[in-house]
Amino acid sequence: MQQLVVVTFTWLTANPIEKHITPVMTITHTPANAFTQEAEEAKATWLAAQARLKAAREAFNTGAVVRLKEIFNNQVSLKAKLEAARLEREKAEGDFKSTFEAAGFEKTAAVQKILNKKNDAIVICEELESAIANTNAECAEHQPLFIQASIEAETYQAAHGSAFSAGARFHAFALLEKHGPALADALALIRNVRSGNPAIEVDIGPSLGFSPTTDRITVDSRMGVLLSLLRSKSMEAPSDITQPISDAIGTLDLGPMHGCKPQTPAERHKLKLAAENRAA
């Protein structure tokens, strides 16, 4: 059980000539270890969150997404090759037309050469289009693979978000452990200062017959003077104040799953049934 340290302050009256002093005011001083337990719990949560993130990241990077990356990379490569082949085909068709016309529409050796080039370009485009169609069909057949990758991606993303929150709480409670007692004492002092607003200010004390709710509102309004100042100062902090936490947990790299809408269990079940029906 924490022991409270009592500090006594004595103020002189407004008239320093008077030989008597005002009654002694006693303030309960917050123990230095008042927030140690919360800080230790936040640290334990932070360490556990980092461990979960590490496991989730490893499971994602070595899971179903590996095969999906191969499929998607193959698609990207084929599409790039098809785009280049179409440009070659357009050029070959234009060259053939101009060469054939220049030869008086006679099948000369030069015309035959450019004709072969044009035909080759057409065949290459057709083969690439067929290959892309096959990879699209392969993707449809790999719906269970996509479902598994989606689950692993969601787990990874959730672990990353939880780790960031845990890191922020850890650092916040570390600061509270160090400076919290002083802030608590400041609130203890300010709660006894009248605001001067009769609409919200009443004397605190059960002897006056006020309800606990009224007492609570009064205390909150007094402490709000200090809390609003703290809140205002906190808003002045730079947006990158959490950058050390982001550096500690690393970036969230979902690869081909980036931007994919999270699937509900019902959607996953529907995709699984569709894949099974295609395989039947």
C-alpha atoms as a PDB file:
ATOM      1  CA  MET A   1       0.000   0.000   0.000  1.00  0.00           C
ATOM      2  CA  GLN A   2       1.407   3.382  -1.030  1.00  0.00           C
ATOM      3  CA  GLN A   3       2.226   5.790   1.776  1.00  0.00           C
ATOM      4  CA  LEU A   4       1.088   9.376   1.434  1.00  0.00           C
ATOM      5  CA  VAL A   5       3.528  12.111   2.347  1.00  0.00           C
ATOM      6  CA  VAL A   6       1.940  15.159   3.923  1.00  0.00           C
ATOM      7  CA  VAL A   7       3.471  18.545   3.138  1.00  0.00           C
ATOM      8  CA  THR A   8       2.471  21.602   5.152  1.00  0.00           C
ATOM      9  CA  PHE A   9       2.418  25.103   3.659  1.00  0.00           C
ATOM     10  CA  THR A  10       2.026  28.265   5.741  1.00  0.00           C
ATOM     11  CA  TRP A  11       1.040  31.622   4.261  1.00  0.00           C
ATOM     12  CA  LEU A  12       1.209  35.032   5.952  1.00  0.00           C
ATOM     13  CA  THR A  13      -1.861  37.274   5.990  1.00  0.00           C
ATOM     14  CA  ALA A  14      -2.138  40.190   3.594  1.00  0.00           C
ATOM     15  CA  ASN A  15      -0.925  42.526   6.360  1.00  0.00           C
ATOM     16  CA  PRO A  16       2.701  41.593   7.178  1.00  0.00           C
ATOM     17  CA  ILE A  17       2.599  43.743  10.332  1.00  0.00           C
ATOM     18  CA  GLU A  18       0.113  41.434  11.965  1.00  0.00           C
ATOM     19  CA  LYS A  19       1.787  39.059  14.354  1.00  0.00           C
ATOM     20  CA  HIS A  20      -0.574  36.175  13.735  1.00  0.00           C
ATOM     21  CA  ILE A  21      -0.686  33.911  10.691  1.00  0.00           C
ATOM     22  CA  THR A  22      -3.501  32.302   8.757  1.00  0.00           C
ATOM     23  CA  PRO A  23      -4.607  28.762   9.593  1.00  0.00           C
ATOM     24  CA  VAL A  24      -2.330  26.076   8.275  1.00  0.00           C
ATOM     25  CA  MET A  25      -3.380  24.441   4.966  1.00  0.00           C
ATOM     26  CA  THR A  26      -2.399  20.801   4.517  1.00  0.00           C
ATOM     27  CA  ILE A  27      -1.899  19.359   1.011  1.00  0.00           C
ATOM     28  CA  THR A  28      -1.519  15.649   0.326  1.00  0.00           C
ATOM     29  CA  HIS A  29       1.583  15.124  -1.761  1.00  0.00           C
ATOM     30  CA  THR A  30       1.386  12.432  -4.459  1.00  0.00           C
ATOM     31  CA  PRO A  31       3.981   9.651  -3.925  1.00  0.00           C
ATOM     32  CA  ALA A  32       6.828   9.507  -6.434  1.00  0.00           C
ATOM     33  CA  ASN A  33       5.855   5.951  -7.391  1.00  0.00           C
ATOM     34  CA  ALA A  34       2.153   6.708  -7.809  1.00  0.00           C
ATOM     35  CA  PHE A  35       2.142   5.728 -11.488  1.00  0.00           C
ATOM     36  CA  THR A  36       4.839   3.056 -11.453  1.00  0.00           C
ATOM     37  CA  GLN A  37       2.418   0.148 -11.705  1.00  0.00           C
ATOM     38  CA  GLU A  38       0.615   1.646 -14.701  1.00  0.00           C
ATOM     39  CA  ALA A  39       3.947   2.360 -16.386  1.00  0.00           C
ATOM     40  CA  GLU A  40       5.141  -1.211 -15.836  1.00  0.00           C
ATOM     41  CA  GLU A  41       1.886  -2.602 -17.221  1.00  0.00           C
ATOM     42  CA  ALA A  42       2.186  -0.360 -20.281  1.00  0.00           C
ATOM     43  CA  LYS A  43       5.757  -1.580 -20.807  1.00  0.00           C
ATOM     44  CA  ALA A  44       4.687  -5.218 -20.597  1.00  0.00           C
ATOM     45  CA  THR A  45       1.882  -4.572 -23.080  1.00  0.00           C
ATOM     46  CA  TRP A  46       4.342  -2.843 -25.425  1.00  0.00           C
ATOM     47  CA  LEU A  47       6.774  -5.766 -25.335  1.00  0.00           C
ATOM     48  CA  ALA A  48       3.977  -8.279 -25.903  1.00  0.00           C
ATOM     49  CA  ALA A  49       2.615  -6.233 -28.808  1.00  0.00           C
ATOM     50  CA  GLN A  50       6.040  -6.159 -30.459  1.00  0.00           C
ATOM     51  CA  ALA A  51       6.314  -9.932 -30.119  1.00  0.00           C
ATOM     52  CA  ARG A  52       2.869 -10.434 -31.688  1.00  0.00           C
ATOM     53  CA  LEU A  53       3.770  -8.067 -34.514  1.00  0.00           C
ATOM     54  CA  LYS A  54       7.005  -9.936 -35.210  1.00  0.00           C
ATOM     55  CA  ALA A  55       5.150 -13.253 -35.381  1.00  0.00           C
ATOM     56  CA  ALA A  56       2.366 -11.837 -37.572  1.00  0.00           C
ATOM     57  CA  ARG A  57       4.843 -10.183 -39.948  1.00  0.00           C
ATOM     58  CA  GLU A  58       6.837 -13.399 -40.328  1.00  0.00           C
ATOM     59  CA  ALA A  59       3.672 -15.457 -40.882  1.00  0.00           C
ATOM     60  CA  PHE A  60       2.512 -13.042 -43.573  1.00  0.00           C
ATOM     61  CA  ASN A  61       5.855 -12.730 -45.364  1.00  0.00           C
ATOM     62  CA  THR A  62       6.315 -16.510 -45.522  1.00  0.00           C
ATOM     63  CA  GLY A  63       2.667 -17.467 -46.049  1.00  0.00           C
ATOM     64  CA  ALA A  64       0.243 -17.530 -48.952  1.00  0.00           C
ATOM     65  CA  VAL A  65       1.345 -14.111 -50.148  1.00  0.00           C
ATOM     66  CA  VAL A  66       4.613 -15.596 -51.445  1.00  0.00           C
ATOM     67  CA  ARG A  67       2.801 -17.553 -54.173  1.00  0.00           C
ATOM     68  CA  LEU A  68       0.475 -14.615 -54.844  1.00  0.00           C
ATOM     69  CA  LYS A  69       3.478 -12.363 -55.419  1.00  0.00           C
ATOM     70  CA  GLU A  70       4.770 -14.800 -58.019  1.00  0.00           C
ATOM     71  CA  ILE A  71       1.410 -14.827 -59.807  1.00  0.00           C
ATOM     72  CA  PHE A  72       0.972 -11.054 -59.669  1.00  0.00           C
ATOM     73  CA  ASN A  73       4.561 -10.358 -60.711  1.00  0.00           C
ATOM     74  CA  ASN A  74       4.105 -12.710 -63.653  1.00  0.00           C
ATOM     75  CA  GLN A  75       0.959 -10.822 -64.645  1.00  0.00           C
ATOM     76  CA  VAL A  76       2.733  -7.477 -64.450  1.00  0.00           C
ATOM     77  CA  SER A  77       5.632  -8.808 -66.507  1.00  0.00           C
ATOM     78  CA  LEU A  78       3.340 -10.259 -69.181  1.00  0.00           C
ATOM     79  CA  LYS A  79       1.316  -7.051 -69.443  1.00  0.00           C
ATOM     80  CA  ALA A  80       4.487  -5.003 -69.861  1.00  0.00           C
ATOM     81  CA  LYS A  81       5.704  -7.378 -72.583  1.00  0.00           C
ATOM     82  CA  LEU A  82       2.326  -7.225 -74.326  1.00  0.00           C
ATOM     83  CA  GLU A  83       2.360  -3.439 -74.314  1.00  0.00           C
ATOM     84  CA  ALA A  84       5.828  -3.414 -75.885  1.00  0.00           C
ATOM     85  CA  ALA A  85       4.805  -6.095 -78.416  1.00  0.00           C
ATOM     86  CA  ARG A  86       1.769  -4.083 -79.499  1.00  0.00           C
ATOM     87  CA  LEU A  87       3.967  -1.083 -80.166  1.00  0.00           C
ATOM     88  CA  GLU A  88       6.270  -3.283 -82.256  1.00  0.00           C
ATOM     89  CA  ARG A  89       3.254  -4.645 -84.139  1.00  0.00           C
ATOM     90  CA  GLU A  90       1.947  -1.165 -84.920  1.00  0.00           C
ATOM     91  CA  LYS A  91       5.369  -0.125 -86.174  1.00  0.00           C
ATOM     92  CA  ALA A  92       5.765  -3.290 -88.266  1.00  0.00           C
ATOM     93  CA  GLU A  93       2.312  -2.824 -89.799  1.00  0.00           C
ATOM     94  CA  GLY A  94       3.139   0.768 -90.689  1.00  0.00           C
ATOM     95  CA  ASP A  95       6.525  -0.189 -92.128  1.00  0.00           C
ATOM     96  CA  PHE A  96       4.959  -2.974 -94.195  1.00  0.00           C
ATOM     97  CA  LYS A  97       2.314  -0.670 -95.624  1.00  0.00           C
ATOM     98  CA  SER A  98       4.813   1.987 -96.656  1.00  0.00           C
ATOM     99  CA  THR A  99       7.351  -0.549 -98.017  1.00  0.00           C
ATOM    100  CA  PHE A 100       4.709  -2.475 -99.959  1.00  0.00           C
ATOM    101  CA  GLU A 101       3.362   0.738-101.452  1.00  0.00           C
ATOM    102  CA  ALA A 102       6.862   1.933-102.368  1.00  0.00           C
ATOM    103  CA  ALA A 103       7.495  -1.397-104.168  1.00  0.00           C
ATOM    104  CA  GLY A 104       4.456  -0.833-106.355  1.00  0.00           C
ATOM    105  CA  PHE A 105       2.599  -3.457-104.353  1.00  0.00           C
ATOM    106  CA  GLU A 106       5.015  -6.085-105.595  1.00  0.00           C
ATOM    107  CA  LYS A 107       6.224  -8.850-103.263  1.00  0.00           C
ATOM    108  CA  THR A 108       9.901  -8.003-103.333  1.00  0.00           C
ATOM    109  CA  ALA A 109      12.570  -9.330-100.985  1.00  0.00           C
ATOM    110  CA  ALA A 110      12.350  -6.143 -98.944  1.00  0.00           C
ATOM    111  CA  VAL A 111       8.579  -6.462 -98.758  1.00  0.00           C
ATOM    112  CA  GLN A 112       8.834 -10.120 -97.728  1.00  0.00           C
ATOM    113  CA  LYS A 113      11.297  -9.236 -94.979  1.00  0.00           C
ATOM    114  CA  ILE A 114       9.069  -6.590 -93.439  1.00  0.00           C
ATOM    115  CA  LEU A 115       6.029  -8.851 -93.899  1.00  0.00           C
ATOM    116  CA  ASN A 116       7.726 -11.562 -91.871  1.00  0.00           C
ATOM    117  CA  LYS A 117       8.478  -9.028 -89.177  1.00  0.00           C
ATOM    118  CA  LYS A 118       4.854  -7.902 -89.115  1.00  0.00           C
ATOM    119  CA  ASN A 119       3.549 -11.463 -88.900  1.00  0.00           C
ATOM    120  CA  ASP A 120       5.979 -12.267 -86.095  1.00  0.00           C
ATOM    121  CA  ALA A 121       4.765  -9.242 -84.148  1.00  0.00           C
ATOM    122  CA  ILE A 122       1.136 -10.312 -84.574  1.00  0.00           C
ATOM    123  CA  VAL A 123       1.869 -13.855 -83.367  1.00  0.00           C
ATOM    124  CA  ILE A 124       3.820 -12.583 -80.358  1.00  0.00           C
ATOM    125  CA  CYS A 125       0.908 -10.356 -79.324  1.00  0.00           C
ATOM    126  CA  GLU A 126      -1.548 -13.232 -79.652  1.00  0.00           C
ATOM    127  CA  GLU A 127       0.631 -15.525 -77.546  1.00  0.00           C
ATOM    128  CA  LEU A 128       1.071 -12.916 -74.838  1.00  0.00           C
ATOM    129  CA  GLU A 129      -2.674 -12.253 -74.742  1.00  0.00           C
ATOM    130  CA  SER A 130      -3.261 -15.991 -74.355  1.00  0.00           C
ATOM    131  CA  ALA A 131      -0.698 -16.212 -71.560  1.00  0.00           C
ATOM    132  CA  ILE A 132      -2.364 -13.338 -69.689  1.00  0.00           C
ATOM    133  CA  ALA A 133      -5.752 -15.026 -70.043  1.00  0.00           C
ATOM    134  CA  ASN A 134      -4.258 -18.196 -68.576  1.00  0.00           C
ATOM    135  CA  THR A 135      -2.810 -16.338 -65.585  1.00  0.00           C
ATOM    136  CA  ASN A 136      -6.181 -14.673 -64.978  1.00  0.00           C
ATOM    137  CA  ALA A 137      -7.783 -18.097 -64.944  1.00  0.00           C
ATOM    138  CA  GLU A 138      -5.059 -19.300 -62.596  1.00  0.00           C
ATOM    139  CA  CYS A 139      -5.891 -16.456 -60.220  1.00  0.00           C
ATOM    140  CA  ALA A 140      -9.519 -17.532 -60.210  1.00  0.00           C
ATOM    141  CA  GLU A 141      -8.430 -21.064 -59.362  1.00  0.00           C
ATOM    142  CA  HIS A 142      -6.322 -19.763 -56.487  1.00  0.00           C
ATOM    143  CA  GLN A 143      -9.151 -18.149 -54.523  1.00  0.00           C
ATOM    144  CA  PRO A 144      -8.368 -20.275 -51.428  1.00  0.00           C
ATOM    145  CA  LEU A 145      -4.808 -18.958 -51.642  1.00  0.00           C
ATOM    146  CA  PHE A 146      -6.098 -15.394 -51.813  1.00  0.00           C
ATOM    147  CA  ILE A 147      -8.426 -16.024 -48.874  1.00  0.00           C
ATOM    148  CA  GLN A 148      -5.552 -17.317 -46.748  1.00  0.00           C
ATOM    149  CA  ALA A 149      -3.369 -14.372 -47.723  1.00  0.00           C
ATOM    150  CA  SER A 150      -6.218 -12.014 -46.830  1.00  0.00           C
ATOM    151  CA  ILE A 151      -6.544 -13.550 -43.374  1.00  0.00           C
ATOM    152  CA  GLU A 152      -2.798 -13.318 -42.777  1.00  0.00           C
ATOM    153  CA  ALA A 153      -2.760  -9.724 -44.034  1.00  0.00           C
ATOM    154  CA  GLU A 154      -5.570  -8.703 -41.677  1.00  0.00           C
ATOM    155  CA  THR A 155      -3.794 -10.341 -38.737  1.00  0.00           C
ATOM    156  CA  TYR A 156      -0.569  -8.549 -39.652  1.00  0.00           C
ATOM    157  CA  GLN A 157      -2.325  -5.202 -40.082  1.00  0.00           C
ATOM    158  CA  ALA A 158      -4.149  -5.541 -36.754  1.00  0.00           C
ATOM    159  CA  ALA A 159      -0.915  -6.465 -34.955  1.00  0.00           C
ATOM    160  CA  HIS A 160       0.829  -3.463 -36.493  1.00  0.00           C
ATOM    161  CA  GLY A 161      -1.921  -1.105 -35.338  1.00  0.00           C
ATOM    162  CA  SER A 162      -1.967  -2.596 -31.843  1.00  0.00           C
ATOM    163  CA  ALA A 163       1.810  -2.291 -31.572  1.00  0.00           C
ATOM    164  CA  PHE A 164       1.656   1.381 -32.520  1.00  0.00           C
ATOM    165  CA  SER A 165      -1.016   2.047 -29.876  1.00  0.00           C
ATOM    166  CA  ALA A 166       0.909   0.079 -27.256  1.00  0.00           C
ATOM    167  CA  GLY A 167       4.083   2.006 -28.079  1.00  0.00           C
ATOM    168  CA  ALA A 168       2.323   5.338 -27.672  1.00  0.00           C
ATOM    169  CA  ARG A 169       0.853   4.243 -24.331  1.00  0.00           C
ATOM    170  CA  PHE A 170       4.226   2.968 -23.144  1.00  0.00           C
ATOM    171  CA  HIS A 171       5.950   6.279 -23.818  1.00  0.00           C
ATOM    172  CA  ALA A 172       3.008   8.240 -22.422  1.00  0.00           C
ATOM    173  CA  PHE A 173       2.980   6.296 -19.159  1.00  0.00           C
ATOM    174  CA  ALA A 174       6.763   6.537 -18.921  1.00  0.00           C
ATOM    175  CA  LEU A 175       6.356  10.309 -18.946  1.00  0.00           C
ATOM    176  CA  LEU A 176       3.487  10.056 -16.491  1.00  0.00           C
ATOM    177  CA  GLU A 177       5.607   7.946 -14.151  1.00  0.00           C
ATOM    178  CA  LYS A 178       8.272  10.652 -14.184  1.00  0.00           C
ATOM    179  CA  HIS A 179       6.148  13.799 -14.141  1.00  0.00           C
ATOM    180  CA  GLY A 180       2.707  12.541 -13.116  1.00  0.00           C
ATOM    181  CA  PRO A 181       3.077  13.129  -9.366  1.00  0.00           C
ATOM    182  CA  ALA A 182       3.796  16.815  -9.967  1.00  0.00           C
ATOM    183  CA  LEU A 183       0.793  17.097 -12.287  1.00  0.00           C
ATOM    184  CA  ALA A 184      -1.405  15.379  -9.721  1.00  0.00           C
ATOM    185  CA  ASP A 185      -0.247  17.843  -7.072  1.00  0.00           C
ATOM    186  CA  ALA A 186      -0.983  20.725  -9.431  1.00  0.00           C
ATOM    187  CA  LEU A 187      -4.521  19.436  -9.925  1.00  0.00           C
ATOM    188  CA  ALA A 188      -4.897  19.004  -6.178  1.00  0.00           C
ATOM    189  CA  LEU A 189      -3.986  22.661  -5.725  1.00  0.00           C
ATOM    190  CA  ILE A 190      -6.140  24.038  -8.529  1.00  0.00           C
ATOM    191  CA  ARG A 191      -9.250  22.199  -7.440  1.00  0.00           C
ATOM    192  CA  ASN A 192      -9.383  24.448  -4.396  1.00  0.00           C
ATOM    193  CA  VAL A 193      -9.268  27.658  -6.423  1.00  0.00           C
ATOM    194  CA  ARG A 194     -12.585  29.364  -7.099  1.00  0.00           C
ATOM    195  CA  SER A 195     -13.259  30.251 -10.726  1.00  0.00           C
ATOM    196  CA  GLY A 196     -15.281  33.337  -9.885  1.00  0.00           C
ATOM    197  CA  ASN A 197     -18.176  32.129 -12.020  1.00  0.00           C
ATOM    198  CA  PRO A 198     -21.253  31.848  -9.768  1.00  0.00           C
ATOM    199  CA  ALA A 199     -23.032  29.776 -12.377  1.00  0.00           C
ATOM    200  CA  ILE A 200     -20.724  26.833 -11.851  1.00  0.00           C
ATOM    201  CA  GLU A 201     -18.986  27.587  -8.569  1.00  0.00           C
ATOM    202  CA  VAL A 202     -20.349  26.271  -5.280  1.00  0.00           C
ATOM    203  CA  ASP A 203     -18.713  25.410  -2.020  1.00  0.00           C
ATOM    204  CA  ILE A 204     -17.589  21.837  -1.795  1.00  0.00           C
ATOM    205  CA  GLY A 205     -18.509  19.856   1.237  1.00  0.00           C
ATOM    206  CA  PRO A 206     -21.164  17.451   2.467  1.00  0.00           C
ATOM    207  CA  SER A 207     -22.049  19.830   5.271  1.00  0.00           C
ATOM    208  CA  LEU A 208     -23.586  22.212   2.717  1.00  0.00           C
ATOM    209  CA  GLY A 209     -25.957  19.558   1.462  1.00  0.00           C
ATOM    210  CA  PHE A 210     -24.822  19.471  -2.176  1.00  0.00           C
ATOM    211  CA  SER A 211     -25.160  16.222  -4.065  1.00  0.00           C
ATOM    212  CA  PRO A 212     -22.074  14.248  -5.130  1.00  0.00           C
ATOM    213  CA  THR A 213     -22.916  15.134  -8.748  1.00  0.00           C
ATOM    214  CA  THR A 214     -22.823  18.842  -7.995  1.00  0.00           C
ATOM    215  CA  ASP A 215     -19.574  18.429  -6.099  1.00  0.00           C
ATOM    216  CA  ARG A 216     -18.089  16.507  -9.041  1.00  0.00           C
ATOM    217  CA  ILE A 217     -19.070  19.192 -11.551  1.00  0.00           C
ATOM    218  CA  THR A 218     -17.522  21.837  -9.354  1.00  0.00           C
ATOM    219  CA  VAL A 219     -14.231  19.979  -8.966  1.00  0.00           C
ATOM    220  CA  ASP A 220     -14.058  19.227 -12.688  1.00  0.00           C
ATOM    221  CA  SER A 221     -14.696  22.861 -13.587  1.00  0.00           C
ATOM    222  CA  ARG A 222     -11.875  23.995 -11.323  1.00  0.00           C
ATOM    223  CA  MET A 223      -9.378  21.421 -12.576  1.00  0.00           C
ATOM    224  CA  GLY A 224     -10.471  22.140 -16.138  1.00  0.00           C
ATOM    225  CA  VAL A 225      -8.436  25.345 -16.003  1.00  0.00           C
ATOM    226  CA  LEU A 226      -5.241  23.319 -15.794  1.00  0.00           C
ATOM    227  CA  LEU A 227      -6.406  20.467 -17.999  1.00  0.00           C
ATOM    228  CA  SER A 228      -7.412  22.808 -20.818  1.00  0.00           C
ATOM    229  CA  LEU A 229      -3.943  24.360 -20.714  1.00  0.00           C
ATOM    230  CA  LEU A 230      -2.297  20.939 -20.892  1.00  0.00           C
ATOM    231  CA  ARG A 231      -4.587  19.958 -23.751  1.00  0.00           C
ATOM    232  CA  SER A 232      -3.750  23.161 -25.607  1.00  0.00           C
ATOM    233  CA  LYS A 233      -0.011  22.582 -25.247  1.00  0.00           C
ATOM    234  CA  SER A 234      -0.364  18.983 -26.402  1.00  0.00           C
ATOM    235  CA  MET A 235      -1.960  20.196 -29.640  1.00  0.00           C
ATOM    236  CA  GLU A 236       1.174  22.233 -30.364  1.00  0.00           C
ATOM    237  CA  ALA A 237       3.318  19.099 -30.547  1.00  0.00           C
ATOM    238  CA  PRO A 238       4.572  18.252 -34.067  1.00  0.00           C
ATOM    239  CA  SER A 239       2.741  15.569 -36.017  1.00  0.00           C
ATOM    240  CA  ASP A 240       5.895  13.435 -36.178  1.00  0.00           C
ATOM    241  CA  ILE A 241       6.149  13.104 -32.404  1.00  0.00           C
ATOM    242  CA  THR A 242       5.245   9.417 -32.826  1.00  0.00           C
ATOM    243  CA  GLN A 243       7.977   8.800 -35.419  1.00  0.00           C
ATOM    244  CA  PRO A 244      10.219   6.893 -32.949  1.00  0.00           C
ATOM    245  CA  ILE A 245       7.350   4.449 -32.426  1.00  0.00           C
ATOM    246  CA  SER A 246       6.882   4.029 -36.179  1.00  0.00           C
ATOM    247  CA  ASP A 247      10.613   3.415 -36.541  1.00  0.00           C
ATOM    248  CA  ALA A 248      10.513   0.794 -33.794  1.00  0.00           C
ATOM    249  CA  ILE A 249       7.676  -1.249 -35.301  1.00  0.00           C
ATOM    250  CA  GLY A 250       8.689  -0.815 -38.943  1.00  0.00           C
ATOM    251  CA  THR A 251       6.502  -0.160 -41.955  1.00  0.00           C
ATOM    252  CA  LEU A 252       3.408  -2.169 -42.823  1.00  0.00           C
ATOM    253  CA  ASP A 253       4.231  -3.802 -46.165  1.00  0.00           C
ATOM    254  CA  LEU A 254       1.277  -5.813 -47.453  1.00  0.00           C
ATOM    255  CA  GLY A 255       2.715  -6.322 -50.933  1.00  0.00           C
ATOM    256  CA  PRO A 256       0.013  -7.463 -53.385  1.00  0.00           C
ATOM    257  CA  MET A 257      -2.570  -7.303 -50.587  1.00  0.00           C
ATOM    258  CA  HIS A 258      -2.125  -3.556 -50.219  1.00  0.00           C
ATOM    259  CA  GLY A 259      -5.414  -1.758 -50.761  1.00  0.00           C
ATOM    260  CA  CYS A 260      -7.439  -4.970 -50.771  1.00  0.00           C
ATOM    261  CA  LYS A 261     -10.741  -4.664 -48.967  1.00  0.00           C
ATOM    262  CA  PRO A 262     -10.904  -6.890 -45.857  1.00  0.00           C
ATOM    263  CA  GLN A 263     -13.180  -9.866 -46.462  1.00  0.00           C
ATOM    264  CA  THR A 264     -15.948 -10.882 -44.114  1.00  0.00           C
ATOM    265  CA  PRO A 265     -16.272 -14.559 -43.128  1.00  0.00           C
ATOM    266  CA  ALA A 266     -19.360 -14.768 -45.364  1.00  0.00           C
ATOM    267  CA  GLU A 267     -17.434 -13.416 -48.358  1.00  0.00           C
ATOM    268  CA  ARG A 268     -14.615 -15.872 -47.754  1.00  0.00           C
ATOM    269  CA  HIS A 269     -17.073 -18.753 -47.575  1.00  0.00           C
ATOM    270  CA  LYS A 270     -18.676 -17.636 -50.841  1.00  0.00           C
ATOM    271  CA  LEU A 271     -15.306 -17.449 -52.611  1.00  0.00           C
ATOM    272  CA  LYS A 272     -14.338 -20.853 -51.272  1.00  0.00           C
ATOM    273  CA  LEU A 273     -17.546 -22.430 -52.584  1.00  0.00           C
ATOM    274  CA  ALA A 274     -17.043 -20.790 -55.982  1.00  0.00           C
ATOM    275  CA  ALA A 275     -13.524 -22.192 -56.211  1.00  0.00           C
ATOM    276  CA  GLU A 276     -14.748 -25.661 -55.241  1.00  0.00           C
ATOM    277  CA  ASN A 277     -17.488 -25.529 -57.890  1.00  0.00           C
ATOM    278  CA  ARG A 278     -14.972 -24.594 -60.584  1.00  0.00           C
ATOM    279  CA  ALA A 279     -12.725 -27.461 -59.558  1.00  0.00           C
ATOM    280  CA  ALA A 280     -15.619 -29.965 -59.617  1.00  0.00           C
END
